[in-house]
Amino acid sequence: MTGLRERARQAVRAELTEVALRLFAERGFEETTVDDIAREAGMSKRSFFRYFPAKEDVVLGGVDLMGERIVAELAARPPAEDPWSCLHAVLRGWAERIDAEQRALESLRLIEATPALRARFHARREETRRLVADALVERGVEPFTADLLTAAAGAALECASRAWAGSDGADRLALVDRAFAELRPAR
């Protein structure tokens, strides 16, 4: 269970993220400073840095935590489940949670439109991909196959996310399911 202090910290982080995303949408990512975000949120620049190490982390802060949670969910799946179905189930669940947040679509569009954010996002996603491949190895999948399946799952999610971000209301989960179905390994 999360303590009161941690819940308060999460609430401040969520508020800072909301303020920052609004300012980024109004002014642009590069044109918005940490001072702008902090001032708009009613805090000092120094206080901002207690919650985020850099401006980019306001947008990307959840990626690292998400990777850890994905690995935990993979470990909790039935041991006899094939690796591709396991990846599909866990990653579809994450896509469903992200779908529930309008902020996720705004963040994805901002990341895709901002070269600095896109580069950092891809670096963090690569680290998450490595953790997921390691989790598959822990489930008994040979390392090469684990790496290949994880890369294919990442490609499926990336294509579905790109199509979703560029659409006017496409069903993201249907796109994820379609991508996983089209890439399903032959037995």
N, C-alpha and C. Protein backbone atom coordinates (compact mmCIF):
# COMPACT_ATOMS: atom_id res chain seq x y z
N MET A 1 0.83 -1.17 0.00
CA MET A 1 0.00 0.00 0.00
C MET A 1 0.89 1.25 0.00
N THR A 2 0.47 2.24 -0.74
CA THR A 2 1.24 3.47 -0.88
C THR A 2 0.94 4.39 0.30
N GLY A 3 2.00 4.93 0.90
CA GLY A 3 1.84 5.83 2.03
C GLY A 3 1.37 7.21 1.60
N LEU A 4 0.96 7.99 2.57
CA LEU A 4 0.44 9.33 2.32
C LEU A 4 1.48 10.22 1.64
N ARG A 5 2.71 10.16 2.09
CA ARG A 5 3.77 10.98 1.50
C ARG A 5 3.98 10.65 0.02
N GLU A 6 3.98 9.36 -0.28
CA GLU A 6 4.17 8.94 -1.67
C GLU A 6 2.98 9.35 -2.53
N ARG A 7 1.76 9.23 -1.99
CA ARG A 7 0.58 9.65 -2.75
C ARG A 7 0.62 11.15 -3.01
N ALA A 8 1.07 11.93 -2.03
CA ALA A 8 1.19 13.38 -2.22
C ALA A 8 2.23 13.68 -3.28
N ARG A 9 3.33 12.96 -3.27
CA ARG A 9 4.38 13.15 -4.28
C ARG A 9 3.85 12.81 -5.67
N GLN A 10 3.10 11.72 -5.78
CA GLN A 10 2.52 11.33 -7.06
C GLN A 10 1.53 12.39 -7.55
N ALA A 11 0.78 12.96 -6.63
CA ALA A 11 -0.20 14.00 -7.00
C ALA A 11 0.51 15.24 -7.53
N VAL A 12 1.60 15.63 -6.90
CA VAL A 12 2.36 16.80 -7.37
C VAL A 12 2.97 16.50 -8.73
N ARG A 13 3.54 15.30 -8.89
CA ARG A 13 4.10 14.92 -10.19
C ARG A 13 3.04 14.95 -11.28
N ALA A 14 1.85 14.44 -10.96
CA ALA A 14 0.75 14.45 -11.94
C ALA A 14 0.35 15.88 -12.29
N GLU A 15 0.30 16.75 -11.29
CA GLU A 15 -0.05 18.15 -11.55
C GLU A 15 1.01 18.83 -12.41
N LEU A 16 2.28 18.60 -12.09
CA LEU A 16 3.36 19.18 -12.89
C LEU A 16 3.30 18.67 -14.33
N THR A 17 3.00 17.40 -14.49
CA THR A 17 2.90 16.83 -15.84
C THR A 17 1.76 17.49 -16.60
N GLU A 18 0.63 17.65 -15.94
CA GLU A 18 -0.53 18.28 -16.60
C GLU A 18 -0.21 19.72 -17.00
N VAL A 19 0.39 20.48 -16.10
CA VAL A 19 0.77 21.87 -16.40
C VAL A 19 1.77 21.90 -17.56
N ALA A 20 2.78 21.05 -17.49
CA ALA A 20 3.82 21.03 -18.52
C ALA A 20 3.23 20.67 -19.88
N LEU A 21 2.40 19.65 -19.94
CA LEU A 21 1.83 19.25 -21.22
C LEU A 21 0.97 20.37 -21.82
N ARG A 22 0.24 21.06 -20.97
CA ARG A 22 -0.57 22.18 -21.45
C ARG A 22 0.34 23.27 -22.03
N LEU A 23 1.40 23.61 -21.30
CA LEU A 23 2.33 24.64 -21.77
C LEU A 23 3.05 24.19 -23.05
N PHE A 24 3.43 22.92 -23.11
CA PHE A 24 4.09 22.42 -24.32
C PHE A 24 3.15 22.54 -25.52
N ALA A 25 1.88 22.22 -25.30
CA ALA A 25 0.89 22.31 -26.39
C ALA A 25 0.69 23.76 -26.82
N GLU A 26 0.69 24.69 -25.87
CA GLU A 26 0.48 26.10 -26.18
C GLU A 26 1.70 26.76 -26.82
N ARG A 27 2.88 26.46 -26.26
CA ARG A 27 4.10 27.20 -26.64
C ARG A 27 5.10 26.37 -27.44
N GLY A 28 5.02 25.07 -27.31
CA GLY A 28 6.04 24.20 -27.90
C GLY A 28 6.98 23.71 -26.80
N PHE A 29 7.55 22.54 -27.00
CA PHE A 29 8.42 21.95 -26.00
C PHE A 29 9.68 22.79 -25.77
N GLU A 30 10.37 23.11 -26.86
CA GLU A 30 11.64 23.84 -26.75
C GLU A 30 11.44 25.24 -26.16
N GLU A 31 10.29 25.86 -26.46
CA GLU A 31 10.04 27.23 -26.02
C GLU A 31 9.60 27.31 -24.56
N THR A 32 9.20 26.20 -23.98
CA THR A 32 8.75 26.17 -22.58
C THR A 32 9.94 25.84 -21.69
N THR A 33 10.17 26.64 -20.68
CA THR A 33 11.29 26.42 -19.76
C THR A 33 10.79 25.77 -18.47
N VAL A 34 11.73 25.22 -17.71
CA VAL A 34 11.41 24.69 -16.40
C VAL A 34 10.85 25.82 -15.52
N ASP A 35 11.42 27.02 -15.64
CA ASP A 35 10.89 28.17 -14.89
C ASP A 35 9.42 28.40 -15.22
N ASP A 36 9.06 28.31 -16.49
CA ASP A 36 7.66 28.49 -16.90
C ASP A 36 6.76 27.47 -16.23
N ILE A 37 7.18 26.23 -16.25
CA ILE A 37 6.37 25.14 -15.67
C ILE A 37 6.23 25.35 -14.16
N ALA A 38 7.35 25.59 -13.50
CA ALA A 38 7.32 25.78 -12.04
C ALA A 38 6.45 26.98 -11.66
N ARG A 39 6.62 28.08 -12.35
CA ARG A 39 5.84 29.29 -12.04
C ARG A 39 4.35 29.01 -12.21
N GLU A 40 3.99 28.36 -13.32
CA GLU A 40 2.58 28.05 -13.59
C GLU A 40 2.00 27.11 -12.54
N ALA A 41 2.84 26.22 -12.00
CA ALA A 41 2.40 25.28 -10.96
C ALA A 41 2.48 25.87 -9.57
N GLY A 42 2.99 27.10 -9.45
CA GLY A 42 3.07 27.76 -8.15
C GLY A 42 4.19 27.25 -7.26
N MET A 43 5.31 26.92 -7.88
CA MET A 43 6.46 26.46 -7.10
C MET A 43 7.75 27.03 -7.68
N SER A 44 8.83 26.81 -6.99
CA SER A 44 10.12 27.28 -7.47
C SER A 44 10.73 26.27 -8.43
N LYS A 45 11.70 26.74 -9.19
CA LYS A 45 12.43 25.86 -10.10
C LYS A 45 13.11 24.75 -9.29
N ARG A 46 13.63 25.10 -8.15
CA ARG A 46 14.30 24.12 -7.29
C ARG A 46 13.32 23.02 -6.85
N SER A 47 12.10 23.43 -6.52
CA SER A 47 11.08 22.44 -6.14
C SER A 47 10.74 21.52 -7.30
N PHE A 48 10.68 22.09 -8.50
CA PHE A 48 10.42 21.28 -9.69
C PHE A 48 11.42 20.13 -9.78
N PHE A 49 12.69 20.43 -9.54
CA PHE A 49 13.74 19.42 -9.67
C PHE A 49 13.70 18.36 -8.56
N ARG A 50 12.90 18.57 -7.53
CA ARG A 50 12.68 17.52 -6.53
C ARG A 50 11.79 16.41 -7.10
N TYR A 51 11.00 16.76 -8.11
CA TYR A 51 10.06 15.81 -8.69
C TYR A 51 10.52 15.24 -10.02
N PHE A 52 11.28 16.01 -10.78
CA PHE A 52 11.77 15.58 -12.09
C PHE A 52 13.21 16.05 -12.27
N PRO A 53 14.12 15.18 -12.71
CA PRO A 53 15.50 15.59 -12.90
C PRO A 53 15.71 16.52 -14.10
N ALA A 54 14.79 16.50 -15.07
CA ALA A 54 14.92 17.34 -16.27
C ALA A 54 13.54 17.57 -16.86
N LYS A 55 13.44 18.56 -17.70
CA LYS A 55 12.17 18.89 -18.36
C LYS A 55 11.63 17.69 -19.14
N GLU A 56 12.48 16.96 -19.81
CA GLU A 56 12.06 15.80 -20.60
C GLU A 56 11.38 14.74 -19.74
N ASP A 57 11.81 14.65 -18.48
CA ASP A 57 11.27 13.62 -17.59
C ASP A 57 9.82 13.88 -17.20
N VAL A 58 9.34 15.11 -17.38
CA VAL A 58 7.92 15.39 -17.14
C VAL A 58 7.09 14.56 -18.11
N VAL A 59 7.58 14.40 -19.31
CA VAL A 59 6.87 13.64 -20.34
C VAL A 59 7.23 12.15 -20.25
N LEU A 60 8.48 11.84 -19.94
CA LEU A 60 8.98 10.46 -20.01
C LEU A 60 9.09 9.76 -18.67
N GLY A 61 8.75 10.42 -17.59
CA GLY A 61 8.98 9.89 -16.24
C GLY A 61 8.38 8.53 -15.97
N GLY A 62 7.28 8.20 -16.59
CA GLY A 62 6.63 6.92 -16.31
C GLY A 62 7.20 5.74 -17.06
N VAL A 63 8.07 5.97 -18.02
CA VAL A 63 8.57 4.88 -18.86
C VAL A 63 9.37 3.86 -18.04
N ASP A 64 10.25 4.33 -17.15
CA ASP A 64 11.07 3.40 -16.36
C ASP A 64 10.23 2.55 -15.44
N LEU A 65 9.29 3.18 -14.74
CA LEU A 65 8.41 2.47 -13.83
C LEU A 65 7.56 1.46 -14.60
N MET A 66 7.11 1.84 -15.77
CA MET A 66 6.31 0.96 -16.60
C MET A 66 7.10 -0.31 -16.95
N GLY A 67 8.38 -0.17 -17.29
CA GLY A 67 9.21 -1.33 -17.62
C GLY A 67 9.29 -2.31 -16.46
N GLU A 68 9.48 -1.79 -15.26
CA GLU A 68 9.56 -2.66 -14.08
C GLU A 68 8.24 -3.40 -13.87
N ARG A 69 7.14 -2.70 -14.06
CA ARG A 69 5.83 -3.33 -13.87
C ARG A 69 5.53 -4.36 -14.94
N ILE A 70 5.95 -4.10 -16.17
CA ILE A 70 5.76 -5.08 -17.25
C ILE A 70 6.50 -6.36 -16.91
N VAL A 71 7.74 -6.24 -16.45
CA VAL A 71 8.53 -7.41 -16.09
C VAL A 71 7.83 -8.21 -14.99
N ALA A 72 7.29 -7.52 -13.98
CA ALA A 72 6.58 -8.19 -12.89
C ALA A 72 5.34 -8.92 -13.42
N GLU A 73 4.63 -8.29 -14.33
CA GLU A 73 3.43 -8.92 -14.88
C GLU A 73 3.78 -10.14 -15.74
N LEU A 74 4.88 -10.05 -16.48
CA LEU A 74 5.32 -11.21 -17.26
C LEU A 74 5.64 -12.39 -16.34
N ALA A 75 6.31 -12.10 -15.25
CA ALA A 75 6.68 -13.16 -14.30
C ALA A 75 5.45 -13.80 -13.67
N ALA A 76 4.36 -13.05 -13.56
CA ALA A 76 3.15 -13.55 -12.92
C ALA A 76 2.24 -14.35 -13.86
N ARG A 77 2.54 -14.35 -15.16
CA ARG A 77 1.70 -15.06 -16.13
C ARG A 77 1.85 -16.58 -15.93
N PRO A 78 0.88 -17.37 -16.39
CA PRO A 78 0.97 -18.83 -16.25
C PRO A 78 2.24 -19.37 -16.90
N PRO A 79 2.96 -20.23 -16.20
CA PRO A 79 4.24 -20.73 -16.71
C PRO A 79 4.13 -21.45 -18.06
N ALA A 80 3.00 -22.11 -18.33
CA ALA A 80 2.86 -22.87 -19.57
C ALA A 80 2.45 -22.00 -20.76
N GLU A 81 2.13 -20.75 -20.51
CA GLU A 81 1.70 -19.86 -21.60
C GLU A 81 2.87 -19.61 -22.56
N ASP A 82 2.58 -19.68 -23.87
CA ASP A 82 3.67 -19.45 -24.82
C ASP A 82 4.12 -17.99 -24.74
N PRO A 83 5.40 -17.73 -25.05
CA PRO A 83 5.96 -16.39 -24.86
C PRO A 83 5.24 -15.29 -25.64
N TRP A 84 4.80 -15.58 -26.87
CA TRP A 84 4.14 -14.54 -27.67
C TRP A 84 2.79 -14.17 -27.08
N SER A 85 2.04 -15.16 -26.64
CA SER A 85 0.74 -14.89 -26.00
C SER A 85 0.94 -14.13 -24.69
N CYS A 86 1.98 -14.49 -23.98
CA CYS A 86 2.31 -13.81 -22.72
C CYS A 86 2.61 -12.33 -22.98
N LEU A 87 3.47 -12.06 -23.96
CA LEU A 87 3.79 -10.67 -24.32
C LEU A 87 2.54 -9.93 -24.77
N HIS A 88 1.73 -10.55 -25.60
CA HIS A 88 0.52 -9.91 -26.10
C HIS A 88 -0.41 -9.54 -24.96
N ALA A 89 -0.64 -10.48 -24.05
CA ALA A 89 -1.56 -10.22 -22.93
C ALA A 89 -1.08 -9.07 -22.05
N VAL A 90 0.18 -9.09 -21.69
CA VAL A 90 0.71 -8.06 -20.79
C VAL A 90 0.75 -6.70 -21.50
N LEU A 91 1.27 -6.66 -22.71
CA LEU A 91 1.40 -5.38 -23.41
C LEU A 91 0.05 -4.83 -23.85
N ARG A 92 -0.90 -5.70 -24.15
CA ARG A 92 -2.26 -5.24 -24.47
C ARG A 92 -2.87 -4.58 -23.22
N GLY A 93 -2.63 -5.18 -22.06
CA GLY A 93 -3.13 -4.60 -20.81
C GLY A 93 -2.58 -3.20 -20.60
N TRP A 94 -1.30 -3.02 -20.92
CA TRP A 94 -0.71 -1.69 -20.77
C TRP A 94 -1.30 -0.72 -21.78
N ALA A 95 -1.51 -1.18 -23.00
CA ALA A 95 -2.13 -0.31 -24.01
C ALA A 95 -3.53 0.11 -23.56
N GLU A 96 -4.25 -0.81 -22.94
CA GLU A 96 -5.60 -0.51 -22.45
C GLU A 96 -5.56 0.56 -21.36
N ARG A 97 -4.61 0.44 -20.45
CA ARG A 97 -4.47 1.44 -19.38
C ARG A 97 -4.09 2.80 -19.95
N ILE A 98 -3.20 2.79 -20.92
CA ILE A 98 -2.76 4.05 -21.54
C ILE A 98 -3.92 4.68 -22.29
N ASP A 99 -4.73 3.85 -22.94
CA ASP A 99 -5.90 4.34 -23.66
C ASP A 99 -6.85 5.13 -22.76
N ALA A 100 -6.91 4.72 -21.51
CA ALA A 100 -7.84 5.37 -20.58
C ALA A 100 -7.41 6.80 -20.25
N GLU A 101 -6.20 7.16 -20.59
CA GLU A 101 -5.69 8.49 -20.28
C GLU A 101 -5.53 9.32 -21.56
N GLN A 102 -6.29 10.39 -21.66
CA GLN A 102 -6.14 11.31 -22.80
C GLN A 102 -4.73 11.88 -22.81
N ARG A 103 -4.17 12.05 -21.61
CA ARG A 103 -2.82 12.60 -21.49
C ARG A 103 -1.80 11.74 -22.22
N ALA A 104 -2.04 10.43 -22.29
CA ALA A 104 -1.11 9.54 -22.97
C ALA A 104 -1.03 9.86 -24.46
N LEU A 105 -2.16 10.13 -25.07
CA LEU A 105 -2.17 10.49 -26.49
C LEU A 105 -1.45 11.81 -26.71
N GLU A 106 -1.70 12.78 -25.85
CA GLU A 106 -1.01 14.07 -25.96
C GLU A 106 0.49 13.89 -25.80
N SER A 107 0.89 13.06 -24.84
CA SER A 107 2.32 12.81 -24.62
C SER A 107 2.95 12.12 -25.82
N LEU A 108 2.27 11.13 -26.37
CA LEU A 108 2.80 10.41 -27.52
C LEU A 108 2.97 11.35 -28.71
N ARG A 109 1.99 12.18 -28.95
CA ARG A 109 2.10 13.13 -30.06
C ARG A 109 3.24 14.12 -29.83
N LEU A 110 3.41 14.56 -28.59
CA LEU A 110 4.50 15.47 -28.25
C LEU A 110 5.85 14.79 -28.47
N ILE A 111 5.97 13.56 -28.02
CA ILE A 111 7.22 12.80 -28.18
C ILE A 111 7.56 12.66 -29.66
N GLU A 112 6.58 12.27 -30.46
CA GLU A 112 6.82 12.08 -31.89
C GLU A 112 7.18 13.38 -32.60
N ALA A 113 6.69 14.50 -32.10
CA ALA A 113 6.94 15.80 -32.75
C ALA A 113 8.20 16.49 -32.26
N THR A 114 8.85 15.97 -31.21
CA THR A 114 10.00 16.63 -30.60
C THR A 114 11.22 15.72 -30.68
N PRO A 115 12.20 16.05 -31.54
CA PRO A 115 13.36 15.17 -31.71
C PRO A 115 14.08 14.82 -30.40
N ALA A 116 14.26 15.77 -29.50
CA ALA A 116 14.96 15.47 -28.24
C ALA A 116 14.18 14.47 -27.39
N LEU A 117 12.88 14.63 -27.34
CA LEU A 117 12.06 13.68 -26.58
C LEU A 117 12.03 12.32 -27.26
N ARG A 118 11.91 12.31 -28.57
CA ARG A 118 11.86 11.05 -29.31
C ARG A 118 13.14 10.26 -29.07
N ALA A 119 14.28 10.92 -29.09
CA ALA A 119 15.56 10.22 -28.87
C ALA A 119 15.63 9.63 -27.46
N ARG A 120 15.25 10.41 -26.46
CA ARG A 120 15.28 9.90 -25.07
C ARG A 120 14.26 8.79 -24.87
N PHE A 121 13.09 8.94 -25.49
CA PHE A 121 12.06 7.92 -25.38
C PHE A 121 12.55 6.60 -25.97
N HIS A 122 13.19 6.65 -27.13
CA HIS A 122 13.69 5.43 -27.76
C HIS A 122 14.79 4.78 -26.92
N ALA A 123 15.63 5.59 -26.28
CA ALA A 123 16.68 5.03 -25.41
C ALA A 123 16.06 4.32 -24.20
N ARG A 124 15.05 4.94 -23.61
CA ARG A 124 14.39 4.32 -22.46
C ARG A 124 13.61 3.08 -22.89
N ARG A 125 12.99 3.15 -24.04
CA ARG A 125 12.24 1.99 -24.53
C ARG A 125 13.19 0.83 -24.81
N GLU A 126 14.39 1.11 -25.29
CA GLU A 126 15.38 0.05 -25.54
C GLU A 126 15.78 -0.62 -24.23
N GLU A 127 15.94 0.15 -23.17
CA GLU A 127 16.27 -0.42 -21.85
C GLU A 127 15.11 -1.30 -21.37
N THR A 128 13.89 -0.84 -21.56
CA THR A 128 12.71 -1.64 -21.18
C THR A 128 12.68 -2.93 -21.99
N ARG A 129 12.97 -2.84 -23.29
CA ARG A 129 12.98 -4.02 -24.15
C ARG A 129 13.99 -5.05 -23.62
N ARG A 130 15.14 -4.59 -23.19
CA ARG A 130 16.15 -5.50 -22.64
C ARG A 130 15.63 -6.19 -21.37
N LEU A 131 14.97 -5.42 -20.50
CA LEU A 131 14.41 -6.00 -19.27
C LEU A 131 13.34 -7.05 -19.59
N VAL A 132 12.52 -6.77 -20.60
CA VAL A 132 11.47 -7.71 -20.99
C VAL A 132 12.09 -8.98 -21.57
N ALA A 133 13.11 -8.85 -22.40
CA ALA A 133 13.79 -10.03 -22.94
C ALA A 133 14.38 -10.87 -21.81
N ASP A 134 14.99 -10.21 -20.83
CA ASP A 134 15.53 -10.93 -19.67
C ASP A 134 14.43 -11.67 -18.92
N ALA A 135 13.25 -11.04 -18.81
CA ALA A 135 12.12 -11.69 -18.13
C ALA A 135 11.66 -12.93 -18.89
N LEU A 136 11.71 -12.89 -20.21
CA LEU A 136 11.36 -14.09 -20.99
C LEU A 136 12.38 -15.19 -20.80
N VAL A 137 13.65 -14.81 -20.71
CA VAL A 137 14.70 -15.80 -20.45
C VAL A 137 14.44 -16.46 -19.09
N GLU A 138 14.01 -15.68 -18.12
CA GLU A 138 13.68 -16.22 -16.79
C GLU A 138 12.51 -17.22 -16.88
N ARG A 139 11.66 -17.06 -17.88
CA ARG A 139 10.53 -17.97 -18.11
C ARG A 139 10.95 -19.20 -18.90
N GLY A 140 12.24 -19.31 -19.24
CA GLY A 140 12.74 -20.48 -19.94
C GLY A 140 12.91 -20.33 -21.44
N VAL A 141 12.75 -19.11 -21.95
CA VAL A 141 12.92 -18.88 -23.39
C VAL A 141 14.40 -18.69 -23.68
N GLU A 142 14.87 -19.31 -24.75
CA GLU A 142 16.27 -19.18 -25.16
C GLU A 142 16.58 -17.70 -25.44
N PRO A 143 17.76 -17.20 -25.07
CA PRO A 143 18.05 -15.75 -25.17
C PRO A 143 17.83 -15.14 -26.56
N PHE A 144 18.27 -15.81 -27.63
CA PHE A 144 18.07 -15.25 -28.96
C PHE A 144 16.57 -15.09 -29.26
N THR A 145 15.81 -16.13 -28.96
CA THR A 145 14.37 -16.11 -29.21
C THR A 145 13.69 -15.04 -28.34
N ALA A 146 14.12 -14.92 -27.10
CA ALA A 146 13.56 -13.90 -26.21
C ALA A 146 13.81 -12.50 -26.77
N ASP A 147 15.01 -12.27 -27.25
CA ASP A 147 15.35 -10.98 -27.84
C ASP A 147 14.52 -10.72 -29.10
N LEU A 148 14.41 -11.73 -29.96
CA LEU A 148 13.64 -11.60 -31.20
C LEU A 148 12.16 -11.34 -30.92
N LEU A 149 11.57 -12.11 -30.00
CA LEU A 149 10.15 -11.92 -29.67
C LEU A 149 9.90 -10.54 -29.06
N THR A 150 10.80 -10.10 -28.21
CA THR A 150 10.65 -8.79 -27.58
C THR A 150 10.76 -7.68 -28.61
N ALA A 151 11.70 -7.81 -29.54
CA ALA A 151 11.84 -6.81 -30.60
C ALA A 151 10.60 -6.79 -31.48
N ALA A 152 10.05 -7.96 -31.80
CA ALA A 152 8.84 -8.02 -32.62
C ALA A 152 7.65 -7.42 -31.88
N ALA A 153 7.54 -7.70 -30.58
CA ALA A 153 6.45 -7.12 -29.79
C ALA A 153 6.59 -5.61 -29.73
N GLY A 154 7.81 -5.13 -29.59
CA GLY A 154 8.06 -3.68 -29.59
C GLY A 154 7.66 -3.05 -30.91
N ALA A 155 7.99 -3.74 -32.00
CA ALA A 155 7.61 -3.22 -33.33
C ALA A 155 6.09 -3.20 -33.47
N ALA A 156 5.41 -4.22 -32.98
CA ALA A 156 3.95 -4.28 -33.05
C ALA A 156 3.35 -3.09 -32.29
N LEU A 157 3.85 -2.86 -31.08
CA LEU A 157 3.34 -1.73 -30.28
C LEU A 157 3.65 -0.39 -30.93
N GLU A 158 4.85 -0.26 -31.47
CA GLU A 158 5.24 1.01 -32.09
C GLU A 158 4.37 1.32 -33.30
N CYS A 159 4.12 0.33 -34.14
CA CYS A 159 3.26 0.55 -35.32
C CYS A 159 1.84 0.88 -34.89
N ALA A 160 1.32 0.15 -33.91
CA ALA A 160 -0.04 0.42 -33.42
C ALA A 160 -0.12 1.82 -32.81
N SER A 161 0.89 2.21 -32.05
CA SER A 161 0.90 3.54 -31.42
C SER A 161 0.99 4.65 -32.45
N ARG A 162 1.82 4.45 -33.47
CA ARG A 162 1.95 5.45 -34.52
C ARG A 162 0.63 5.63 -35.26
N ALA A 163 -0.01 4.52 -35.59
CA ALA A 163 -1.30 4.59 -36.28
C ALA A 163 -2.35 5.26 -35.39
N TRP A 164 -2.34 4.94 -34.12
CA TRP A 164 -3.28 5.52 -33.15
C TRP A 164 -3.06 7.02 -33.00
N ALA A 165 -1.79 7.41 -32.83
CA ALA A 165 -1.47 8.84 -32.63
C ALA A 165 -1.82 9.67 -33.86
N GLY A 166 -1.74 9.08 -35.03
CA GLY A 166 -2.02 9.81 -36.26
C GLY A 166 -3.47 9.75 -36.69
N SER A 167 -4.30 9.12 -35.90
CA SER A 167 -5.70 8.94 -36.29
C SER A 167 -6.61 9.88 -35.51
N ASP A 168 -7.84 9.86 -35.92
CA ASP A 168 -8.87 10.59 -35.18
C ASP A 168 -9.79 9.58 -34.52
N GLY A 169 -9.28 8.95 -33.48
CA GLY A 169 -10.13 8.05 -32.72
C GLY A 169 -10.07 6.58 -33.10
N ALA A 170 -8.98 6.14 -33.71
CA ALA A 170 -8.84 4.71 -34.01
C ALA A 170 -8.85 3.91 -32.70
N ASP A 171 -9.26 2.67 -32.78
CA ASP A 171 -9.28 1.79 -31.62
C ASP A 171 -7.87 1.23 -31.42
N ARG A 172 -7.19 1.77 -30.43
CA ARG A 172 -5.80 1.37 -30.20
C ARG A 172 -5.67 -0.11 -29.89
N LEU A 173 -6.58 -0.65 -29.08
CA LEU A 173 -6.49 -2.06 -28.73
C LEU A 173 -6.68 -2.96 -29.95
N ALA A 174 -7.57 -2.56 -30.84
CA ALA A 174 -7.75 -3.32 -32.08
C ALA A 174 -6.47 -3.28 -32.92
N LEU A 175 -5.81 -2.13 -32.93
CA LEU A 175 -4.54 -2.02 -33.66
C LEU A 175 -3.47 -2.90 -33.03
N VAL A 176 -3.41 -2.92 -31.69
CA VAL A 176 -2.44 -3.78 -30.99
C VAL A 176 -2.73 -5.24 -31.30
N ASP A 177 -4.00 -5.64 -31.19
CA ASP A 177 -4.36 -7.04 -31.47
C ASP A 177 -4.01 -7.42 -32.91
N ARG A 178 -4.30 -6.52 -33.85
CA ARG A 178 -4.00 -6.79 -35.26
C ARG A 178 -2.50 -6.98 -35.46
N ALA A 179 -1.71 -6.08 -34.86
CA ALA A 179 -0.25 -6.17 -35.02
C ALA A 179 0.29 -7.48 -34.45
N PHE A 180 -0.19 -7.86 -33.26
CA PHE A 180 0.28 -9.12 -32.67
C PHE A 180 -0.18 -10.32 -33.48
N ALA A 181 -1.38 -10.26 -34.03
CA ALA A 181 -1.87 -11.38 -34.85
C ALA A 181 -1.04 -11.52 -36.12
N GLU A 182 -0.72 -10.40 -36.75
CA GLU A 182 0.04 -10.46 -38.00
C GLU A 182 1.48 -10.90 -37.79
N LEU A 183 2.01 -10.65 -36.61
CA LEU A 183 3.40 -11.04 -36.32
C LEU A 183 3.53 -12.35 -35.55
N ARG A 184 2.42 -13.00 -35.22
CA ARG A 184 2.46 -14.24 -34.44
C ARG A 184 3.43 -15.23 -35.09
N PRO A 185 4.40 -15.73 -34.31
CA PRO A 185 5.35 -16.71 -34.85
C PRO A 185 4.65 -18.01 -35.26
N ALA A 186 5.13 -18.59 -36.33
CA ALA A 186 4.61 -19.90 -36.75
C ALA A 186 5.11 -20.96 -35.78
N ARG A 187 4.33 -21.95 -35.57
CA ARG A 187 4.73 -23.04 -34.64
C ARG A 187 5.53 -24.07 -35.34
